[in-house]
Amino acid sequence: ENVFAGALPKNGFVVNKSKLKADTMALI
């Protein structure tokens, strides 16, 4: 949530948690 603050991936109005997790994991 910190890494993607202000640019959270979404499906419509809902945060796409699996994409958020995968994108962060790639950076980690």
PDB file of all heavy atoms in Angstrom:
ATOM      1  N   GLU A   1       0.837  -1.212   0.000  1.00  0.00           N
ATOM      2  CA  GLU A   1       0.000   0.000   0.000  1.00  0.00           C
ATOM      3  C   GLU A   1       0.868   1.257   0.000  1.00  0.00           C
ATOM      4  O   GLU A   1       0.496   2.268  -0.598  1.00  0.00           O
ATOM      5  CB  GLU A   1      -0.920  -0.008   1.224  1.00  0.00           C
ATOM      6  CG  GLU A   1      -2.051  -1.027   1.108  1.00  0.00           C
ATOM      7  CD  GLU A   1      -2.753  -1.294   2.426  1.00  0.00           C
ATOM      8  OE1 GLU A   1      -2.089  -1.346   3.484  1.00  0.00           O
ATOM      9  OE2 GLU A   1      -3.979  -1.479   2.399  1.00  0.00           O
ATOM     10  N   ASN A   2       2.041   1.192   0.661  1.00  0.00           N
ATOM     11  CA  ASN A   2       2.961   2.328   0.658  1.00  0.00           C
ATOM     12  C   ASN A   2       3.629   2.497  -0.700  1.00  0.00           C
ATOM     13  O   ASN A   2       3.726   3.612  -1.225  1.00  0.00           O
ATOM     14  CB  ASN A   2       4.031   2.156   1.744  1.00  0.00           C
ATOM     15  CG  ASN A   2       3.585   2.705   3.080  1.00  0.00           C
ATOM     16  OD1 ASN A   2       3.682   3.898   3.335  1.00  0.00           O
ATOM     17  ND2 ASN A   2       3.062   1.841   3.942  1.00  0.00           N
ATOM     18  N   VAL A   3       4.101   1.408  -1.273  1.00  0.00           N
ATOM     19  CA  VAL A   3       4.834   1.474  -2.546  1.00  0.00           C
ATOM     20  C   VAL A   3       3.941   2.024  -3.661  1.00  0.00           C
ATOM     21  O   VAL A   3       4.372   2.823  -4.489  1.00  0.00           O
ATOM     22  CB  VAL A   3       5.403   0.084  -2.923  1.00  0.00           C
ATOM     23  CG1 VAL A   3       5.944   0.083  -4.356  1.00  0.00           C
ATOM     24  CG2 VAL A   3       6.516  -0.320  -1.955  1.00  0.00           C
ATOM     25  N   PHE A   4       2.653   1.626  -3.657  1.00  0.00           N
ATOM     26  CA  PHE A   4       1.746   2.059  -4.732  1.00  0.00           C
ATOM     27  C   PHE A   4       0.747   3.122  -4.271  1.00  0.00           C
ATOM     28  O   PHE A   4      -0.309   3.288  -4.896  1.00  0.00           O
ATOM     29  CB  PHE A   4       1.031   0.847  -5.331  1.00  0.00           C
ATOM     30  CG  PHE A   4       1.912   0.060  -6.265  1.00  0.00           C
ATOM     31  CD1 PHE A   4       2.693  -0.973  -5.785  1.00  0.00           C
ATOM     32  CD2 PHE A   4       1.993   0.386  -7.616  1.00  0.00           C
ATOM     33  CE1 PHE A   4       3.531  -1.697  -6.631  1.00  0.00           C
ATOM     34  CE2 PHE A   4       2.818  -0.326  -8.477  1.00  0.00           C
ATOM     35  CZ  PHE A   4       3.595  -1.367  -7.983  1.00  0.00           C
ATOM     36  N   ALA A   5       1.080   3.824  -3.185  1.00  0.00           N
ATOM     37  CA  ALA A   5       0.182   4.891  -2.686  1.00  0.00           C
ATOM     38  C   ALA A   5      -0.090   5.893  -3.807  1.00  0.00           C
ATOM     39  O   ALA A   5       0.825   6.367  -4.476  1.00  0.00           O
ATOM     40  CB  ALA A   5       0.829   5.590  -1.499  1.00  0.00           C
ATOM     41  N   GLY A   6      -1.378   6.181  -4.027  1.00  0.00           N
ATOM     42  CA  GLY A   6      -1.758   7.132  -5.073  1.00  0.00           C
ATOM     43  C   GLY A   6      -1.883   6.503  -6.448  1.00  0.00           C
ATOM     44  O   GLY A   6      -2.263   7.171  -7.413  1.00  0.00           O
ATOM     45  N   ALA A   7      -1.514   5.218  -6.562  1.00  0.00           N
ATOM     46  CA  ALA A   7      -1.595   4.549  -7.872  1.00  0.00           C
ATOM     47  C   ALA A   7      -1.976   3.084  -7.693  1.00  0.00           C
ATOM     48  O   ALA A   7      -1.417   2.194  -8.332  1.00  0.00           O
ATOM     49  CB  ALA A   7      -0.259   4.671  -8.592  1.00  0.00           C
ATOM     50  N   LEU A   8      -2.920   2.830  -6.793  1.00  0.00           N
ATOM     51  CA  LEU A   8      -3.328   1.447  -6.514  1.00  0.00           C
ATOM     52  C   LEU A   8      -4.056   0.863  -7.727  1.00  0.00           C
ATOM     53  O   LEU A   8      -4.959   1.516  -8.276  1.00  0.00           O
ATOM     54  CB  LEU A   8      -4.249   1.401  -5.285  1.00  0.00           C
ATOM     55  CG  LEU A   8      -3.637   1.852  -3.953  1.00  0.00           C
ATOM     56  CD1 LEU A   8      -4.727   1.975  -2.895  1.00  0.00           C
ATOM     57  CD2 LEU A   8      -2.565   0.882  -3.480  1.00  0.00           C
ATOM     58  N   PRO A   9      -3.661  -0.354  -8.182  1.00  0.00           N
ATOM     59  CA  PRO A   9      -4.365  -0.963  -9.318  1.00  0.00           C
ATOM     60  C   PRO A   9      -5.808  -1.321  -8.921  1.00  0.00           C
ATOM     61  O   PRO A   9      -6.030  -1.829  -7.826  1.00  0.00           O
ATOM     62  CB  PRO A   9      -3.544  -2.224  -9.612  1.00  0.00           C
ATOM     63  CG  PRO A   9      -2.811  -2.520  -8.342  1.00  0.00           C
ATOM     64  CD  PRO A   9      -2.602  -1.217  -7.648  1.00  0.00           C
ATOM     65  N   LYS A  10      -6.756  -1.030  -9.807  1.00  0.00           N
ATOM     66  CA  LYS A  10      -8.164  -1.247  -9.444  1.00  0.00           C
ATOM     67  C   LYS A  10      -8.934  -2.019 -10.511  1.00  0.00           C
ATOM     68  O   LYS A  10      -8.597  -1.947 -11.704  1.00  0.00           O
ATOM     69  CB  LYS A  10      -8.858   0.107  -9.197  1.00  0.00           C
ATOM     70  CG  LYS A  10      -8.364   0.815  -7.952  1.00  0.00           C
ATOM     71  CD  LYS A  10      -9.076   2.127  -7.732  1.00  0.00           C
ATOM     72  CE  LYS A  10      -8.553   2.813  -6.462  1.00  0.00           C
ATOM     73  NZ  LYS A  10      -9.137   4.134  -6.261  1.00  0.00           N
ATOM     74  N   ASN A  11      -9.953  -2.747 -10.059  1.00  0.00           N
ATOM     75  CA  ASN A  11     -10.985  -3.300 -10.932  1.00  0.00           C
ATOM     76  C   ASN A  11     -12.222  -2.452 -10.668  1.00  0.00           C
ATOM     77  O   ASN A  11     -12.887  -2.627  -9.646  1.00  0.00           O
ATOM     78  CB  ASN A  11     -11.285  -4.765 -10.589  1.00  0.00           C
ATOM     79  CG  ASN A  11     -10.141  -5.672 -10.985  1.00  0.00           C
ATOM     80  OD1 ASN A  11      -9.435  -5.384 -11.939  1.00  0.00           O
ATOM     81  ND2 ASN A  11      -9.963  -6.772 -10.266  1.00  0.00           N
ATOM     82  N   GLY A  12     -12.472  -1.507 -11.564  1.00  0.00           N
ATOM     83  CA  GLY A  12     -13.568  -0.571 -11.305  1.00  0.00           C
ATOM     84  C   GLY A  12     -13.212   0.305 -10.113  1.00  0.00           C
ATOM     85  O   GLY A  12     -12.209   1.029 -10.132  1.00  0.00           O
ATOM     86  N   PHE A  13     -14.021   0.206  -9.037  1.00  0.00           N
ATOM     87  CA  PHE A  13     -13.754   1.015  -7.838  1.00  0.00           C
ATOM     88  C   PHE A  13     -13.037   0.214  -6.750  1.00  0.00           C
ATOM     89  O   PHE A  13     -12.746   0.731  -5.679  1.00  0.00           O
ATOM     90  CB  PHE A  13     -15.069   1.575  -7.269  1.00  0.00           C
ATOM     91  CG  PHE A  13     -15.740   2.545  -8.184  1.00  0.00           C
ATOM     92  CD1 PHE A  13     -16.889   2.187  -8.884  1.00  0.00           C
ATOM     93  CD2 PHE A  13     -15.211   3.815  -8.376  1.00  0.00           C
ATOM     94  CE1 PHE A  13     -17.509   3.075  -9.743  1.00  0.00           C
ATOM     95  CE2 PHE A  13     -15.823   4.719  -9.226  1.00  0.00           C
ATOM     96  CZ  PHE A  13     -16.976   4.357  -9.921  1.00  0.00           C
ATOM     97  N   VAL A  14     -12.782  -1.063  -7.021  1.00  0.00           N
ATOM     98  CA  VAL A  14     -12.199  -1.948  -5.999  1.00  0.00           C
ATOM     99  C   VAL A  14     -10.715  -2.175  -6.277  1.00  0.00           C
ATOM    100  O   VAL A  14     -10.322  -2.414  -7.423  1.00  0.00           O
ATOM    101  CB  VAL A  14     -12.946  -3.310  -5.974  1.00  0.00           C
ATOM    102  CG1 VAL A  14     -12.364  -4.224  -4.894  1.00  0.00           C
ATOM    103  CG2 VAL A  14     -14.433  -3.089  -5.746  1.00  0.00           C
ATOM    104  N   VAL A  15      -9.907  -2.108  -5.210  1.00  0.00           N
ATOM    105  CA  VAL A  15      -8.462  -2.339  -5.353  1.00  0.00           C
ATOM    106  C   VAL A  15      -8.218  -3.794  -5.754  1.00  0.00           C
ATOM    107  O   VAL A  15      -8.753  -4.723  -5.148  1.00  0.00           O
ATOM    108  CB  VAL A  15      -7.711  -2.030  -4.030  1.00  0.00           C
ATOM    109  CG1 VAL A  15      -6.242  -2.452  -4.130  1.00  0.00           C
ATOM    110  CG2 VAL A  15      -7.817  -0.543  -3.700  1.00  0.00           C
ATOM    111  N   ASN A  16      -7.414  -3.971  -6.813  1.00  0.00           N
ATOM    112  CA  ASN A  16      -7.046  -5.312  -7.283  1.00  0.00           C
ATOM    113  C   ASN A  16      -5.861  -5.808  -6.434  1.00  0.00           C
ATOM    114  O   ASN A  16      -4.700  -5.566  -6.763  1.00  0.00           O
ATOM    115  CB  ASN A  16      -6.678  -5.253  -8.775  1.00  0.00           C
ATOM    116  CG  ASN A  16      -6.368  -6.620  -9.349  1.00  0.00           C
ATOM    117  OD1 ASN A  16      -6.048  -7.565  -8.614  1.00  0.00           O
ATOM    118  ND2 ASN A  16      -6.448  -6.732 -10.665  1.00  0.00           N
ATOM    119  N   LYS A  17      -6.184  -6.512  -5.344  1.00  0.00           N
ATOM    120  CA  LYS A  17      -5.156  -6.894  -4.368  1.00  0.00           C
ATOM    121  C   LYS A  17      -4.138  -7.878  -4.940  1.00  0.00           C
ATOM    122  O   LYS A  17      -2.958  -7.811  -4.613  1.00  0.00           O
ATOM    123  CB  LYS A  17      -5.799  -7.470  -3.103  1.00  0.00           C
ATOM    124  CG  LYS A  17      -6.392  -6.401  -2.206  1.00  0.00           C
ATOM    125  CD  LYS A  17      -6.383  -6.808  -0.757  1.00  0.00           C
ATOM    126  CE  LYS A  17      -6.720  -5.610   0.127  1.00  0.00           C
ATOM    127  NZ  LYS A  17      -6.863  -5.980   1.527  1.00  0.00           N
ATOM    128  N   SER A  18      -4.596  -8.796  -5.775  1.00  0.00           N
ATOM    129  CA  SER A  18      -3.651  -9.788  -6.309  1.00  0.00           C
ATOM    130  C   SER A  18      -2.633  -9.124  -7.230  1.00  0.00           C
ATOM    131  O   SER A  18      -1.445  -9.441  -7.199  1.00  0.00           O
ATOM    132  CB  SER A  18      -4.390 -10.915  -7.028  1.00  0.00           C
ATOM    133  OG  SER A  18      -5.173 -10.381  -8.069  1.00  0.00           O
ATOM    134  N   LYS A  19      -3.074  -8.153  -8.039  1.00  0.00           N
ATOM    135  CA  LYS A  19      -2.143  -7.411  -8.920  1.00  0.00           C
ATOM    136  C   LYS A  19      -1.209  -6.539  -8.075  1.00  0.00           C
ATOM    137  O   LYS A  19      -0.004  -6.460  -8.335  1.00  0.00           O
ATOM    138  CB  LYS A  19      -2.912  -6.566  -9.930  1.00  0.00           C
ATOM    139  CG  LYS A  19      -1.965  -5.776 -10.870  1.00  0.00           C
ATOM    140  CD  LYS A  19      -2.695  -5.163 -12.024  1.00  0.00           C
ATOM    141  CE  LYS A  19      -1.859  -4.155 -12.796  1.00  0.00           C
ATOM    142  NZ  LYS A  19      -0.500  -4.611 -13.135  1.00  0.00           N
ATOM    143  N   LEU A  20      -1.780  -5.882  -7.064  1.00  0.00           N
ATOM    144  CA  LEU A  20      -0.990  -5.031  -6.162  1.00  0.00           C
ATOM    145  C   LEU A  20       0.129  -5.850  -5.508  1.00  0.00           C
ATOM    146  O   LEU A  20       1.291  -5.434  -5.472  1.00  0.00           O
ATOM    147  CB  LEU A  20      -1.908  -4.424  -5.091  1.00  0.00           C
ATOM    148  CG  LEU A  20      -1.260  -3.553  -4.005  1.00  0.00           C
ATOM    149  CD1 LEU A  20      -0.546  -2.353  -4.611  1.00  0.00           C
ATOM    150  CD2 LEU A  20      -2.308  -3.086  -2.994  1.00  0.00           C
ATOM    151  N   LYS A  21      -0.252  -7.034  -5.039  1.00  0.00           N
ATOM    152  CA  LYS A  21       0.724  -7.914  -4.371  1.00  0.00           C
ATOM    153  C   LYS A  21       1.791  -8.389  -5.358  1.00  0.00           C
ATOM    154  O   LYS A  21       2.990  -8.367  -5.058  1.00  0.00           O
ATOM    155  CB  LYS A  21      -0.024  -9.105  -3.766  1.00  0.00           C
ATOM    156  CG  LYS A  21       0.837  -9.994  -2.872  1.00  0.00           C
ATOM    157  CD  LYS A  21      -0.032 -11.071  -2.229  1.00  0.00           C
ATOM    158  CE  LYS A  21       0.815 -12.076  -1.466  1.00  0.00           C
ATOM    159  NZ  LYS A  21       0.000 -13.141  -0.878  1.00  0.00           N
ATOM    160  N   ALA A  22       1.354  -8.795  -6.549  1.00  0.00           N
ATOM    161  CA  ALA A  22       2.293  -9.300  -7.559  1.00  0.00           C
ATOM    162  C   ALA A  22       3.257  -8.207  -8.024  1.00  0.00           C
ATOM    163  O   ALA A  22       4.470  -8.445  -8.147  1.00  0.00           O
ATOM    164  CB  ALA A  22       1.517  -9.866  -8.748  1.00  0.00           C
ATOM    165  N   ASP A  23       2.729  -6.998  -8.262  1.00  0.00           N
ATOM    166  CA  ASP A  23       3.587  -5.879  -8.712  1.00  0.00           C
ATOM    167  C   ASP A  23       4.607  -5.499  -7.637  1.00  0.00           C
ATOM    168  O   ASP A  23       5.759  -5.191  -7.939  1.00  0.00           O
ATOM    169  CB  ASP A  23       2.729  -4.656  -9.070  1.00  0.00           C
ATOM    170  CG  ASP A  23       1.910  -4.867 -10.340  1.00  0.00           C
ATOM    171  OD1 ASP A  23       2.143  -5.892 -11.025  1.00  0.00           O
ATOM    172  OD2 ASP A  23       1.045  -4.026 -10.639  1.00  0.00           O
ATOM    173  N   THR A  24       4.157  -5.514  -6.378  1.00  0.00           N
ATOM    174  CA  THR A  24       5.080  -5.189  -5.274  1.00  0.00           C
ATOM    175  C   THR A  24       6.134  -6.280  -5.127  1.00  0.00           C
ATOM    176  O   THR A  24       7.314  -5.998  -4.907  1.00  0.00           O
ATOM    177  CB  THR A  24       4.303  -5.015  -3.946  1.00  0.00           C
ATOM    178  OG1 THR A  24       3.240  -4.092  -4.141  1.00  0.00           O
ATOM    179  CG2 THR A  24       5.213  -4.497  -2.842  1.00  0.00           C
ATOM    180  N   MET A  25       5.699  -7.538  -5.269  1.00  0.00           N
ATOM    181  CA  MET A  25       6.639  -8.661  -5.144  1.00  0.00           C
ATOM    182  C   MET A  25       7.732  -8.574  -6.205  1.00  0.00           C
ATOM    183  O   MET A  25       8.905  -8.859  -5.935  1.00  0.00           O
ATOM    184  CB  MET A  25       5.872  -9.990  -5.272  1.00  0.00           C
ATOM    185  CG  MET A  25       6.604 -11.182  -4.679  1.00  0.00           C
ATOM    186  SD  MET A  25       6.832 -11.051  -2.887  1.00  0.00           S
ATOM    187  CE  MET A  25       8.551 -11.529  -2.746  1.00  0.00           C
ATOM    188  N   ALA A  26       7.354  -8.152  -7.407  1.00  0.00           N
ATOM    189  CA  ALA A  26       8.337  -8.007  -8.497  1.00  0.00           C
ATOM    190  C   ALA A  26       9.401  -6.974  -8.113  1.00  0.00           C
ATOM    191  O   ALA A  26      10.599  -7.176  -8.352  1.00  0.00           O
ATOM    192  CB  ALA A  26       7.628  -7.594  -9.786  1.00  0.00           C
ATOM    193  N   LEU A  27       8.947  -5.877  -7.507  1.00  0.00           N
ATOM    194  CA  LEU A  27       9.894  -4.847  -7.056  1.00  0.00           C
ATOM    195  C   LEU A  27      10.775  -5.369  -5.918  1.00  0.00           C
ATOM    196  O   LEU A  27      11.978  -5.139  -5.890  1.00  0.00           O
ATOM    197  CB  LEU A  27       9.128  -3.603  -6.562  1.00  0.00           C
ATOM    198  CG  LEU A  27       8.718  -2.586  -7.620  1.00  0.00           C
ATOM    199  CD1 LEU A  27       7.827  -1.527  -6.992  1.00  0.00           C
ATOM    200  CD2 LEU A  27       9.933  -1.927  -8.244  1.00  0.00           C
ATOM    201  N   ILE A  28      10.164  -6.058  -4.961  1.00  0.00           N
ATOM    202  CA  ILE A  28      10.907  -6.601  -3.815  1.00  0.00           C
ATOM    203  C   ILE A  28      12.012  -7.549  -4.301  1.00  0.00           C
ATOM    204  O   ILE A  28      13.138  -7.520  -3.813  1.00  0.00           O
ATOM    205  CB  ILE A  28       9.947  -7.321  -2.836  1.00  0.00           C
ATOM    206  CG1 ILE A  28       9.098  -6.286  -2.068  1.00  0.00           C
ATOM    207  CG2 ILE A  28      10.717  -8.217  -1.859  1.00  0.00           C
ATOM    208  CD1 ILE A  28       7.969  -6.887  -1.249  1.00  0.00           C
TER     209      ILE A  28
END
